[in-house]
C-alpha atoms as a PDB file:
ATOM      1  CA  MET A   1     -21.678  29.158  48.788  1.00  0.00           C
ATOM      2  CA  LYS A   2     -18.731  27.703  46.924  1.00  0.00           C
ATOM      3  CA  ILE A   3     -17.485  29.585  43.867  1.00  0.00           C
ATOM      4  CA  ARG A   4     -15.481  27.245  41.525  1.00  0.00           C
ATOM      5  CA  GLN A   5     -11.885  28.384  40.831  1.00  0.00           C
ATOM      6  CA  PRO A   6     -12.373  29.049  37.074  1.00  0.00           C
ATOM      7  CA  CYS A   7     -15.259  31.449  38.020  1.00  0.00           C
ATOM      8  CA  ILE A   8     -13.082  33.409  40.489  1.00  0.00           C
ATOM      9  CA  ALA A   9     -10.809  34.802  37.853  1.00  0.00           C
ATOM     10  CA  ALA A  10     -13.769  35.857  35.763  1.00  0.00           C
ATOM     11  CA  LEU A  11     -15.375  37.495  38.777  1.00  0.00           C
ATOM     12  CA  ASN A  12     -12.286  39.522  39.612  1.00  0.00           C
ATOM     13  CA  GLU A  13     -12.000  40.612  35.986  1.00  0.00           C
ATOM     14  CA  ARG A  14     -15.602  41.848  36.059  1.00  0.00           C
ATOM     15  CA  LYS A  15     -14.880  43.687  39.358  1.00  0.00           C
ATOM     16  CA  LYS A  16     -11.972  45.408  37.749  1.00  0.00           C
ATOM     17  CA  ALA A  17     -14.299  46.432  34.955  1.00  0.00           C
ATOM     18  CA  GLY A  18     -16.570  47.895  37.433  1.00  0.00           C
ATOM     19  CA  SER A  19     -19.506  45.611  36.466  1.00  0.00           C
ATOM     20  CA  ARG A  20     -22.128  44.823  39.142  1.00  0.00           C
ATOM     21  CA  GLU A  21     -23.478  41.828  37.293  1.00  0.00           C
ATOM     22  CA  TYR A  22     -21.698  38.456  37.249  1.00  0.00           C
ATOM     23  CA  THR A  23     -22.711  35.301  35.286  1.00  0.00           C
ATOM     24  CA  CYS A  24     -20.285  32.465  35.473  1.00  0.00           C
ATOM     25  CA  ALA A  25     -19.904  30.515  32.250  1.00  0.00           C
ATOM     26  CA  PRO A  26     -20.326  26.826  32.995  1.00  0.00           C
ATOM     27  CA  THR A  27     -17.199  24.610  32.450  1.00  0.00           C
ATOM     28  CA  ALA A  28     -16.680  20.986  31.413  1.00  0.00           C
ATOM     29  CA  LEU A  29     -14.107  18.366  31.169  1.00  0.00           C
ATOM     30  CA  ILE A  30     -14.118  15.606  28.521  1.00  0.00           C
ATOM     31  CA  ALA A  31     -12.497  12.260  29.429  1.00  0.00           C
ATOM     32  CA  GLU A  32     -12.436  10.025  26.411  1.00  0.00           C
ATOM     33  CA  ASP A  33      -9.586   7.890  25.111  1.00  0.00           C
ATOM     34  CA  GLU A  34     -10.630   8.007  21.489  1.00  0.00           C
ATOM     35  CA  PRO A  35      -9.524  11.292  20.073  1.00  0.00           C
ATOM     36  CA  LEU A  36     -12.017  11.209  17.126  1.00  0.00           C
ATOM     37  CA  ILE A  37     -14.950  10.819  19.608  1.00  0.00           C
ATOM     38  CA  ALA A  38     -13.642  13.402  22.022  1.00  0.00           C
ATOM     39  CA  ALA A  39     -13.261  15.997  19.110  1.00  0.00           C
ATOM     40  CA  ALA A  40     -16.627  15.155  17.801  1.00  0.00           C
ATOM     41  CA  LEU A  41     -18.213  15.468  21.261  1.00  0.00           C
ATOM     42  CA  GLN A  42     -16.514  18.936  21.787  1.00  0.00           C
ATOM     43  CA  ARG A  43     -17.914  20.053  18.291  1.00  0.00           C
ATOM     44  CA  GLU A  44     -21.361  18.944  19.211  1.00  0.00           C
ATOM     45  CA  LEU A  45     -21.205  20.675  22.542  1.00  0.00           C
ATOM     46  CA  SER A  46     -20.038  23.917  20.976  1.00  0.00           C
ATOM     47  CA  ALA A  47     -23.129  23.908  18.830  1.00  0.00           C
ATOM     48  CA  ALA A  48     -25.596  22.713  21.479  1.00  0.00           C
ATOM     49  CA  TRP A  49     -24.197  24.821  24.435  1.00  0.00           C
ATOM     50  CA  PRO A  50     -22.180  27.723  23.126  1.00  0.00           C
ATOM     51  CA  GLU A  51     -21.652  29.291  26.562  1.00  0.00           C
ATOM     52  CA  LEU A  52     -20.089  26.069  27.861  1.00  0.00           C
ATOM     53  CA  ARG A  53     -16.259  26.237  28.222  1.00  0.00           C
ATOM     54  CA  ILE A  54     -14.309  22.976  27.714  1.00  0.00           C
ATOM     55  CA  ILE A  55     -11.432  23.477  30.112  1.00  0.00           C
ATOM     56  CA  ALA A  56      -9.746  20.091  29.628  1.00  0.00           C
ATOM     57  CA  SER A  57      -9.904  17.058  27.462  1.00  0.00           C
ATOM     58  CA  VAL A  58      -7.966  13.946  28.681  1.00  0.00           C
ATOM     59  CA  GLY A  59      -7.496  10.440  27.319  1.00  0.00           C
ATOM     60  CA  ASN A  60      -7.220   8.316  30.431  1.00  0.00           C
ATOM     61  CA  GLY A  61      -8.962   7.980  33.754  1.00  0.00           C
ATOM     62  CA  GLN A  62      -6.046   8.925  36.042  1.00  0.00           C
ATOM     63  CA  ASP A  63      -5.652  12.273  34.255  1.00  0.00           C
ATOM     64  CA  ALA A  64      -9.437  12.752  34.461  1.00  0.00           C
ATOM     65  CA  ILE A  65      -9.262  12.235  38.299  1.00  0.00           C
ATOM     66  CA  ALA A  66      -6.497  14.633  38.745  1.00  0.00           C
ATOM     67  CA  ARG A  67      -7.675  17.324  36.332  1.00  0.00           C
ATOM     68  CA  THR A  68     -11.252  17.217  37.806  1.00  0.00           C
ATOM     69  CA  ALA A  69      -9.903  17.760  41.319  1.00  0.00           C
ATOM     70  CA  ALA A  70      -7.688  20.575  40.152  1.00  0.00           C
ATOM     71  CA  LEU A  71      -9.947  22.358  37.884  1.00  0.00           C
ATOM     72  CA  GLN A  72     -13.309  21.656  39.529  1.00  0.00           C
ATOM     73  CA  PRO A  73     -15.424  21.688  36.264  1.00  0.00           C
ATOM     74  CA  ASP A  74     -19.209  21.947  36.491  1.00  0.00           C
ATOM     75  CA  VAL A  75     -19.756  19.009  34.159  1.00  0.00           C
ATOM     76  CA  ALA A  76     -17.514  15.913  33.524  1.00  0.00           C
ATOM     77  CA  PHE A  77     -18.288  13.827  30.392  1.00  0.00           C
ATOM     78  CA  LEU A  78     -16.708  10.473  31.150  1.00  0.00           C
ATOM     79  CA  ASP A  79     -16.182   7.488  28.894  1.00  0.00           C
ATOM     80  CA  ILE A  80     -16.838   4.349  30.965  1.00  0.00           C
ATOM     81  CA  ALA A  81     -14.109   2.247  29.293  1.00  0.00           C
ATOM     82  CA  MET A  82     -10.762   4.134  29.561  1.00  0.00           C
ATOM     83  CA  PRO A  83      -7.182   3.185  30.260  1.00  0.00           C
ATOM     84  CA  GLY A  84      -5.655   3.966  33.608  1.00  0.00           C
ATOM     85  CA  ALA A  85      -8.997   4.165  35.448  1.00  0.00           C
ATOM     86  CA  THR A  86     -12.451   3.576  34.259  1.00  0.00           C
ATOM     87  CA  GLY A  87     -15.243   6.162  34.013  1.00  0.00           C
ATOM     88  CA  LEU A  88     -16.732   4.540  37.028  1.00  0.00           C
ATOM     89  CA  ASP A  89     -13.425   5.039  39.017  1.00  0.00           C
ATOM     90  CA  VAL A  90     -13.484   8.680  37.963  1.00  0.00           C
ATOM     91  CA  ALA A  91     -17.033   9.211  38.992  1.00  0.00           C
ATOM     92  CA  ARG A  92     -16.277   7.558  42.390  1.00  0.00           C
ATOM     93  CA  ALA A  93     -13.403   9.952  42.893  1.00  0.00           C
ATOM     94  CA  CYS A  94     -15.653  12.858  41.887  1.00  0.00           C
ATOM     95  CA  ALA A  95     -18.301  11.727  44.456  1.00  0.00           C
ATOM     96  CA  ASN A  96     -15.665  12.443  47.226  1.00  0.00           C
ATOM     97  CA  LEU A  97     -14.940  15.983  46.145  1.00  0.00           C
ATOM     98  CA  ALA A  98     -16.369  18.959  48.200  1.00  0.00           C
ATOM     99  CA  ALA A  99     -18.086  20.183  45.020  1.00  0.00           C
ATOM    100  CA  PRO A 100     -18.550  17.217  42.693  1.00  0.00           C
ATOM    101  CA  PRO A 101     -19.358  17.957  39.094  1.00  0.00           C
ATOM    102  CA  GLN A 102     -22.546  16.930  37.295  1.00  0.00           C
ATOM    103  CA  ILE A 103     -21.659  13.467  35.636  1.00  0.00           C
ATOM    104  CA  VAL A 104     -22.539  12.499  32.016  1.00  0.00           C
ATOM    105  CA  PHE A 105     -21.330   9.029  31.063  1.00  0.00           C
ATOM    106  CA  VAL A 106     -20.463   8.496  27.398  1.00  0.00           C
ATOM    107  CA  THR A 107     -21.180   4.853  26.876  1.00  0.00           C
ATOM    108  CA  ALA A 108     -21.527   2.153  24.410  1.00  0.00           C
ATOM    109  CA  TYR A 109     -23.944   0.364  26.588  1.00  0.00           C
ATOM    110  CA  ASP A 110     -27.410  -0.212  25.081  1.00  0.00           C
ATOM    111  CA  GLU A 111     -30.871   0.620  26.138  1.00  0.00           C
ATOM    112  CA  HIS A 112     -30.810  -1.957  29.058  1.00  0.00           C
ATOM    113  CA  ALA A 113     -28.662   0.661  30.855  1.00  0.00           C
ATOM    114  CA  LEU A 114     -31.154   3.424  30.761  1.00  0.00           C
ATOM    115  CA  ASP A 115     -33.092   2.448  33.973  1.00  0.00           C
ATOM    116  CA  ALA A 116     -29.968   2.780  35.911  1.00  0.00           C
ATOM    117  CA  PHE A 117     -29.227   6.286  34.553  1.00  0.00           C
ATOM    118  CA  ASP A 118     -32.846   7.489  34.912  1.00  0.00           C
ATOM    119  CA  ALA A 119     -32.949   6.398  38.469  1.00  0.00           C
ATOM    120  CA  ALA A 120     -30.307   9.159  39.322  1.00  0.00           C
ATOM    121  CA  ALA A 121     -29.667  12.757  38.630  1.00  0.00           C
ATOM    122  CA  ILE A 122     -26.983  11.764  36.313  1.00  0.00           C
ATOM    123  CA  ASP A 123     -27.108  11.635  32.487  1.00  0.00           C
ATOM    124  CA  TYR A 124     -25.757   9.411  29.711  1.00  0.00           C
ATOM    125  CA  LEU A 125     -24.920   9.711  26.084  1.00  0.00           C
ATOM    126  CA  LEU A 126     -24.712   6.636  23.731  1.00  0.00           C
ATOM    127  CA  LYS A 127     -21.912   6.409  21.271  1.00  0.00           C
ATOM    128  CA  PRO A 128     -21.961   7.610  18.627  1.00  0.00           C
ATOM    129  CA  VAL A 129     -23.461  10.762  20.171  1.00  0.00           C
ATOM    130  CA  ASP A 130     -26.812  11.861  18.667  1.00  0.00           C
ATOM    131  CA  THR A 131     -27.384  15.600  18.314  1.00  0.00           C
ATOM    132  CA  ALA A 132     -30.992  15.490  19.559  1.00  0.00           C
ATOM    133  CA  ARG A 133     -29.963  13.330  22.568  1.00  0.00           C
ATOM    134  CA  LEU A 134     -27.163  15.725  23.413  1.00  0.00           C
ATOM    135  CA  ALA A 135     -29.677  18.637  23.236  1.00  0.00           C
ATOM    136  CA  ARG A 136     -31.872  16.900  25.821  1.00  0.00           C
ATOM    137  CA  THR A 137     -28.755  16.263  28.108  1.00  0.00           C
ATOM    138  CA  VAL A 138     -27.940  20.056  27.907  1.00  0.00           C
ATOM    139  CA  ASP A 139     -31.546  20.828  28.883  1.00  0.00           C
ATOM    140  CA  ARG A 140     -31.295  18.773  31.877  1.00  0.00           C
ATOM    141  CA  LEU A 141     -27.978  20.004  32.978  1.00  0.00           C
ATOM    142  CA  ARG A 142     -28.733  23.789  32.821  1.00  0.00           C
ATOM    143  CA  PRO A 143     -31.233  23.800  35.615  1.00  0.00           C
ATOM    144  CA  ARG A 144     -28.991  21.458  37.741  1.00  0.00           C
ATOM    145  CA  LEU A 145     -26.147  23.910  37.464  1.00  0.00           C
ATOM    146  CA  ALA A 146     -28.519  26.715  38.347  1.00  0.00           C
ATOM    147  CA  ASP A 147     -29.382  24.768  41.589  1.00  0.00           C
ATOM    148  CA  THR A 148     -25.700  24.563  42.465  1.00  0.00           C
ATOM    149  CA  SER A 149     -25.479  28.381  42.639  1.00  0.00           C
ATOM    150  CA  THR A 150     -27.818  28.353  45.628  1.00  0.00           C
ATOM    151  CA  ASP A 151     -26.910  27.523  49.280  1.00  0.00           C
ATOM    152  CA  ARG A 152     -28.928  24.304  49.403  1.00  0.00           C
ATOM    153  CA  ALA A 153     -25.713  22.129  49.655  1.00  0.00           C
ATOM    154  CA  PRO A 154     -26.266  20.279  46.399  1.00  0.00           C
ATOM    155  CA  ALA A 155     -23.077  18.232  46.816  1.00  0.00           C
ATOM    156  CA  MET A 156     -24.821  15.861  49.154  1.00  0.00           C
ATOM    157  CA  ASP A 157     -27.470  15.156  46.655  1.00  0.00           C
ATOM    158  CA  VAL A 158     -24.891  14.604  43.818  1.00  0.00           C
ATOM    159  CA  GLN A 159     -22.819  12.356  45.894  1.00  0.00           C
ATOM    160  CA  ALA A 160     -25.886  10.163  46.862  1.00  0.00           C
ATOM    161  CA  ASP A 161     -26.896   9.948  43.231  1.00  0.00           C
ATOM    162  CA  LEU A 162     -23.418   8.981  42.123  1.00  0.00           C
ATOM    163  CA  GLN A 163     -23.084   6.324  44.732  1.00  0.00           C
ATOM    164  CA  ARG A 164     -26.432   4.819  43.812  1.00  0.00           C
ATOM    165  CA  LEU A 165     -25.716   4.768  40.137  1.00  0.00           C
ATOM    166  CA  LEU A 166     -22.241   3.397  40.512  1.00  0.00           C
ATOM    167  CA  GLY A 167     -23.556   0.328  42.287  1.00  0.00           C
ATOM    168  CA  GLN A 168     -25.940  -0.265  39.466  1.00  0.00           C
ATOM    169  CA  LEU A 169     -23.394   0.260  36.743  1.00  0.00           C
ATOM    170  CA  GLU A 170     -20.905  -2.040  38.366  1.00  0.00           C
ATOM    171  CA  GLN A 171     -23.522  -4.750  38.528  1.00  0.00           C
ATOM    172  CA  MET A 172     -24.390  -4.201  34.947  1.00  0.00           C
ATOM    173  CA  THR A 173     -20.754  -4.255  33.953  1.00  0.00           C
ATOM    174  CA  ARG A 174     -20.256  -7.606  35.675  1.00  0.00           C
ATOM    175  CA  SER A 175     -23.235  -8.975  33.741  1.00  0.00           C
ATOM    176  CA  VAL A 176     -21.875  -7.811  30.511  1.00  0.00           C
ATOM    177  CA  GLN A 177     -18.452  -9.501  31.283  1.00  0.00           C
ATOM    178  CA  LEU A 178     -20.102 -12.681  32.328  1.00  0.00           C
ATOM    179  CA  GLU A 179     -22.127 -12.722  29.092  1.00  0.00           C
ATOM    180  CA  SER A 180     -18.877 -12.094  27.102  1.00  0.00           C
ATOM    181  CA  ARG A 181     -17.209 -15.003  28.808  1.00  0.00           C
ATOM    182  CA  ALA A 182     -20.133 -17.287  28.078  1.00  0.00           C
ATOM    183  CA  GLN A 183     -19.914 -16.358  24.413  1.00  0.00           C
ATOM    184  CA  GLU A 184     -16.202 -17.150  24.452  1.00  0.00           C
ATOM    185  CA  ASN A 185     -16.846 -20.606  26.009  1.00  0.00           C
ATOM    186  CA  GLY A 186     -19.482 -21.383  23.396  1.00  0.00           C
ATOM    187  CA  ARG A 187     -17.769 -19.974  20.457  1.00  0.00           C
ATOM    188  CA  GLY A 188     -18.653 -22.976  18.270  1.00  0.00           C
ATOM    189  CA  ALA A 189     -21.958 -21.382  17.169  1.00  0.00           C
ATOM    190  CA  THR A 190     -21.589 -18.431  14.750  1.00  0.00           C
ATOM    191  CA  LEU A 191     -23.345 -15.139  15.132  1.00  0.00           C
ATOM    192  CA  ARG A 192     -26.889 -14.798  13.534  1.00  0.00           C
ATOM    193  CA  TYR A 193     -27.337 -11.152  14.578  1.00  0.00           C
ATOM    194  CA  VAL A 194     -25.133  -8.232  15.381  1.00  0.00           C
ATOM    195  CA  ARG A 195     -26.163  -5.521  17.824  1.00  0.00           C
ATOM    196  CA  ALA A 196     -25.253  -2.219  16.412  1.00  0.00           C
ATOM    197  CA  SER A 197     -25.971   1.414  17.007  1.00  0.00           C
ATOM    198  CA  SER A 198     -27.241   4.192  14.797  1.00  0.00           C
ATOM    199  CA  GLY A 199     -27.248   7.545  16.856  1.00  0.00           C
ATOM    200  CA  SER A 200     -29.262   6.759  19.961  1.00  0.00           C
ATOM    201  CA  GLU A 201     -30.907   3.752  18.337  1.00  0.00           C
ATOM    202  CA  ILE A 202     -29.783   0.200  18.956  1.00  0.00           C
ATOM    203  CA  ARG A 203     -30.607  -2.397  16.164  1.00  0.00           C
ATOM    204  CA  MET A 204     -30.397  -6.162  15.967  1.00  0.00           C
ATOM    205  CA  VAL A 205     -29.193  -6.719  12.434  1.00  0.00           C
ATOM    206  CA  PRO A 206     -29.342 -10.205  10.854  1.00  0.00           C
ATOM    207  CA  VAL A 207     -25.799 -11.038   9.554  1.00  0.00           C
ATOM    208  CA  GLU A 208     -27.207 -12.108   6.148  1.00  0.00           C
ATOM    209  CA  GLU A 209     -28.189  -8.462   5.687  1.00  0.00           C
ATOM    210  CA  VAL A 210     -24.685  -7.133   6.238  1.00  0.00           C
ATOM    211  CA  LEU A 211     -22.808  -6.264   3.009  1.00  0.00           C
ATOM    212  CA  TYR A 212     -19.412  -5.804   4.814  1.00  0.00           C
ATOM    213  CA  PHE A 213     -17.781  -4.905   7.993  1.00  0.00           C
ATOM    214  CA  GLU A 214     -14.987  -2.236   8.173  1.00  0.00           C
ATOM    215  CA  ALA A 215     -12.676  -1.458  11.047  1.00  0.00           C
ATOM    216  CA  ALA A 216     -12.536   2.163  12.279  1.00  0.00           C
ATOM    217  CA  ASP A 217     -10.477   2.747  15.469  1.00  0.00           C
ATOM    218  CA  LYS A 218     -12.046   0.781  18.356  1.00  0.00           C
ATOM    219  CA  TYR A 219     -15.310   0.375  16.326  1.00  0.00           C
ATOM    220  CA  VAL A 220     -16.540  -1.713  13.353  1.00  0.00           C
ATOM    221  CA  ILE A 221     -18.710  -0.037  10.814  1.00  0.00           C
ATOM    222  CA  VAL A 222     -21.627  -2.361   9.687  1.00  0.00           C
ATOM    223  CA  THR A 223     -22.725  -1.553   6.155  1.00  0.00           C
ATOM    224  CA  THR A 224     -26.108  -2.764   4.935  1.00  0.00           C
ATOM    225  CA  ARG A 225     -28.267  -1.720   1.884  1.00  0.00           C
ATOM    226  CA  THR A 226     -30.088   0.785   4.137  1.00  0.00           C
ATOM    227  CA  GLY A 227     -26.982   2.479   5.765  1.00  0.00           C
ATOM    228  CA  GLU A 228     -24.259   2.311   8.272  1.00  0.00           C
ATOM    229  CA  LEU A 229     -24.145   1.288  11.952  1.00  0.00           C
ATOM    230  CA  LEU A 230     -21.467   0.847  14.649  1.00  0.00           C
ATOM    231  CA  ILE A 231     -20.301  -2.069  16.778  1.00  0.00           C
ATOM    232  CA  ARG A 232     -17.869  -1.418  19.671  1.00  0.00           C
ATOM    233  CA  MET A 233     -15.486  -4.265  19.288  1.00  0.00           C
ATOM    234  CA  SER A 234     -12.456  -4.985  17.134  1.00  0.00           C
ATOM    235  CA  LEU A 235     -12.678  -6.547  13.715  1.00  0.00           C
ATOM    236  CA  LYS A 236     -10.537  -9.481  14.951  1.00  0.00           C
ATOM    237  CA  GLU A 237     -13.113 -10.229  17.736  1.00  0.00           C
ATOM    238  CA  LEU A 238     -15.961 -10.023  15.407  1.00  0.00           C
ATOM    239  CA  CYS A 239     -14.411 -12.287  12.715  1.00  0.00           C
ATOM    240  CA  ALA A 240     -13.925 -14.982  15.322  1.00  0.00           C
ATOM    241  CA  GLN A 241     -17.723 -15.073  15.644  1.00  0.00           C
ATOM    242  CA  LEU A 242     -18.668 -15.077  11.890  1.00  0.00           C
ATOM    243  CA  ASP A 243     -19.172 -17.870   9.597  1.00  0.00           C
ATOM    244  CA  ALA A 244     -15.936 -18.161   7.684  1.00  0.00           C
ATOM    245  CA  ALA A 245     -17.576 -19.669   4.628  1.00  0.00           C
ATOM    246  CA  ARG A 246     -19.780 -16.617   4.145  1.00  0.00           C
ATOM    247  CA  PHE A 247     -17.598 -13.664   5.469  1.00  0.00           C
ATOM    248  CA  TRP A 248     -14.274 -13.319   3.637  1.00  0.00           C
ATOM    249  CA  GLN A 249     -11.436 -10.852   4.660  1.00  0.00           C
ATOM    250  CA  VAL A 250     -10.630  -8.926   1.568  1.00  0.00           C
ATOM    251  CA  HIS A 251      -8.483  -6.236   3.109  1.00  0.00           C
ATOM    252  CA  ARG A 252      -6.668  -5.602   6.529  1.00  0.00           C
ATOM    253  CA  SER A 253      -9.713  -3.627   7.611  1.00  0.00           C
ATOM    254  CA  THR A 254     -12.579  -5.031   5.596  1.00  0.00           C
ATOM    255  CA  VAL A 255     -14.549  -8.345   5.740  1.00  0.00           C
ATOM    256  CA  VAL A 256     -17.169  -8.892   2.985  1.00  0.00           C
ATOM    257  CA  ASN A 257     -20.295 -11.046   2.851  1.00  0.00           C
ATOM    258  CA  VAL A 258     -19.692 -13.098  -0.288  1.00  0.00           C
ATOM    259  CA  ASP A 259     -23.352 -13.620  -0.801  1.00  0.00           C
ATOM    260  CA  HIS A 260     -23.682 -10.073  -1.831  1.00  0.00           C
ATOM    261  CA  VAL A 261     -20.700  -9.927  -4.183  1.00  0.00           C
ATOM    262  CA  GLU A 262     -21.901  -9.344  -7.816  1.00  0.00           C
ATOM    263  CA  GLY A 263     -18.389  -9.170  -9.383  1.00  0.00           C
ATOM    264  CA  ALA A 264     -14.852  -8.024  -9.257  1.00  0.00           C
ATOM    265  CA  SER A 265     -12.943  -5.632 -11.492  1.00  0.00           C
ATOM    266  CA  VAL A 266      -9.196  -4.579 -11.800  1.00  0.00           C
ATOM    267  CA  ASN A 267      -8.228  -0.943 -12.749  1.00  0.00           C
ATOM    268  CA  ALA A 268      -5.354   0.201 -14.914  1.00  0.00           C
ATOM    269  CA  PHE A 269      -3.038   0.095 -11.850  1.00  0.00           C
ATOM    270  CA  GLY A 270      -3.842  -3.452 -11.108  1.00  0.00           C
ATOM    271  CA  LYS A 271      -6.045  -2.749  -7.969  1.00  0.00           C
ATOM    272  CA  MET A 272      -8.995  -4.931  -7.514  1.00  0.00           C
ATOM    273  CA  ALA A 273     -12.400  -3.821  -6.308  1.00  0.00           C
ATOM    274  CA  LEU A 274     -15.693  -5.621  -5.628  1.00  0.00           C
ATOM    275  CA  LYS A 275     -19.169  -4.620  -6.805  1.00  0.00           C
ATOM    276  CA  LEU A 276     -21.885  -5.501  -4.251  1.00  0.00           C
ATOM    277  CA  ARG A 277     -25.567  -5.973  -4.986  1.00  0.00           C
ATOM    278  CA  GLY A 278     -27.650  -3.011  -3.985  1.00  0.00           C
ATOM    279  CA  HIS A 279     -24.520  -0.917  -3.114  1.00  0.00           C
ATOM    280  CA  SER A 280     -23.059   1.840  -5.201  1.00  0.00           C
ATOM    281  CA  ALA A 281     -19.649   2.159  -3.700  1.00  0.00           C
ATOM    282  CA  ALA A 282     -16.889  -0.340  -4.599  1.00  0.00           C
ATOM    283  CA  VAL A 283     -15.015  -2.292  -1.950  1.00  0.00           C
ATOM    284  CA  ALA A 284     -11.225  -2.357  -2.211  1.00  0.00           C
ATOM    285  CA  VAL A 285      -9.433  -5.674  -2.244  1.00  0.00           C
ATOM    286  CA  SER A 286      -5.772  -5.849  -1.187  1.00  0.00           C
ATOM    287  CA  LYS A 287      -3.172  -7.858  -3.197  1.00  0.00           C
ATOM    288  CA  GLN A 288      -3.000 -10.392  -0.313  1.00  0.00           C
ATOM    289  CA  TYR A 289      -6.639 -11.347  -0.969  1.00  0.00           C
ATOM    290  CA  ALA A 290      -7.114 -10.762  -4.697  1.00  0.00           C
ATOM    291  CA  HIS A 291      -6.605 -14.327  -5.597  1.00  0.00           C
ATOM    292  CA  LEU A 292      -9.969 -15.113  -3.963  1.00  0.00           C
ATOM    293  CA  PHE A 293     -11.730 -13.410  -6.823  1.00  0.00           C
ATOM    294  CA  ARG A 294      -9.407 -13.994  -9.838  1.00  0.00           C
ATOM    295  CA  GLN A 295     -11.991 -16.222 -11.549  1.00  0.00           C
ATOM    296  CA  MET A 296     -14.885 -13.779 -11.332  1.00  0.00           C
END
């Protein structure tokens, strides 16, 4: 039976203390290039799995490969799209380790990916991470880690699962890339729907229902009258697919659907803001775009 390196120190400490009982706390590595998402995942894990120790959090794939090999975590939470090496590359490297970790992909892929994950003893979390979905992931991981404490050589099973899933994910990734290229080639048509996520739910939102889009790191926040959703793309990429006559940029990070603009106001400091129908919060307009609404 292989005892992971982080557990050896804990075992020695307990031996020094004269304890006959030993329970190794599970360990995890987070590989995510977006600091806000990495920090949010760590907070959620602390609440859902208090005994789990996060022994490393890295922002690129090459560091993830090196730290996983050196630290031998029990679980690796891997973003699929990372600089240096993708989450798929990291998982492939993990599959070649003598004691590979359990893999959880943190992904922006939608529900079409679920069959690939469910076919293997490997889990996934959709961005943004949903608390209830994370709890189910923890429930799945705990018995798997208990299995790895036996002498049944689980590494072979994990390696087989990883290799099978990686093939499916690579095929899916190629399909997404081909779809993206097709959209680039046929960009003459504007978007009618945006595919956005809310927790673990994916929704098709008609663009006429969107009040405004707002950039946030590598995501775009989609605001409607019923709430907020997320799209994983840049605002620039999104704007290239929108109807310019309907969606106006009013700030470096904000694009508004003018069909929902009720009025504009200027405060004592000369700053303009828009009032949108059915939305309580005002939307700021930068000086660069204020001239668009001077006559309102």
